[in-house]
Amino acid sequence: MGILRQVAEYLYIKKPDPSREKTQWMKYMHGINRISIFLFLFALIVIITRLVILPLFR
């Protein structure tokens, strides 16, 4: 469940744990992870749009 909780924190669904240590490198790592998750979700939306929705209108 730790992975799902971390993804929920990256997507701003759940608040981060206040007792966790906060270092500069952890902030960089979480920022990069957040960017990669958003890009992955964007790519999924584009793929679904191109493969499912656009053929319906042709």
Protein backbone atom coordinates (compact mmCIF):
# COMPACT_ATOMS: atom_id res chain seq x y z
CA MET A 1 0.00 0.00 0.00
CA GLY A 2 2.98 2.30 0.31
CA ILE A 3 3.31 2.69 -3.46
CA LEU A 4 -0.34 3.60 -3.93
CA ARG A 5 -0.15 6.12 -1.09
CA GLN A 6 2.94 7.71 -2.65
CA VAL A 7 1.25 7.98 -6.05
CA ALA A 8 -1.78 9.58 -4.37
CA GLU A 9 0.55 12.15 -2.79
CA TYR A 10 2.18 12.87 -6.17
CA LEU A 11 -1.21 13.44 -7.77
CA TYR A 12 -2.29 15.70 -4.88
CA ILE A 13 -5.05 13.29 -3.84
CA LYS A 14 -3.64 12.70 -0.37
CA LYS A 15 -1.68 15.02 1.90
CA PRO A 16 1.97 14.07 2.53
CA ASP A 17 3.03 12.54 5.83
CA PRO A 18 4.24 15.41 8.08
CA SER A 19 6.56 13.16 10.12
CA ARG A 20 8.65 12.18 7.08
CA GLU A 21 12.07 13.81 6.76
CA LYS A 22 12.38 16.48 4.08
CA THR A 23 15.75 16.90 2.41
CA GLN A 24 16.55 18.83 -0.73
CA TRP A 25 17.34 15.65 -2.68
CA MET A 26 14.03 14.07 -1.69
CA LYS A 27 12.22 17.16 -2.99
CA TYR A 28 14.04 16.82 -6.32
CA MET A 29 13.24 13.12 -6.54
CA HIS A 30 9.56 13.61 -5.74
CA GLY A 31 9.35 16.46 -8.24
CA ILE A 32 10.80 14.30 -11.02
CA ASN A 33 8.48 11.43 -10.07
CA ARG A 34 5.50 13.78 -10.15
CA ILE A 35 6.45 15.03 -13.62
CA SER A 36 6.89 11.48 -14.92
CA ILE A 37 3.49 10.37 -13.59
CA PHE A 38 1.75 13.37 -15.18
CA LEU A 39 3.49 12.72 -18.51
CA PHE A 40 2.50 9.05 -18.36
CA LEU A 41 -1.15 9.94 -17.71
CA PHE A 42 -1.07 12.49 -20.53
CA ALA A 43 0.37 9.86 -22.90
CA LEU A 44 -2.38 7.40 -21.91
CA ILE A 45 -5.02 10.01 -22.69
CA VAL A 46 -3.45 10.71 -26.09
CA ILE A 47 -3.22 6.99 -26.93
CA ILE A 48 -6.83 6.35 -25.91
CA THR A 49 -7.95 9.35 -27.92
CA ARG A 50 -6.08 8.25 -31.05
CA LEU A 51 -7.02 4.57 -30.86
CA VAL A 52 -10.60 4.71 -29.57
CA ILE A 53 -12.22 8.10 -29.96
CA LEU A 54 -10.88 9.34 -33.33
CA PRO A 55 -11.82 6.16 -35.26
CA LEU A 56 -15.42 6.63 -34.11
CA PHE A 57 -15.61 9.96 -35.97
CA ARG A 58 -14.11 8.71 -39.25
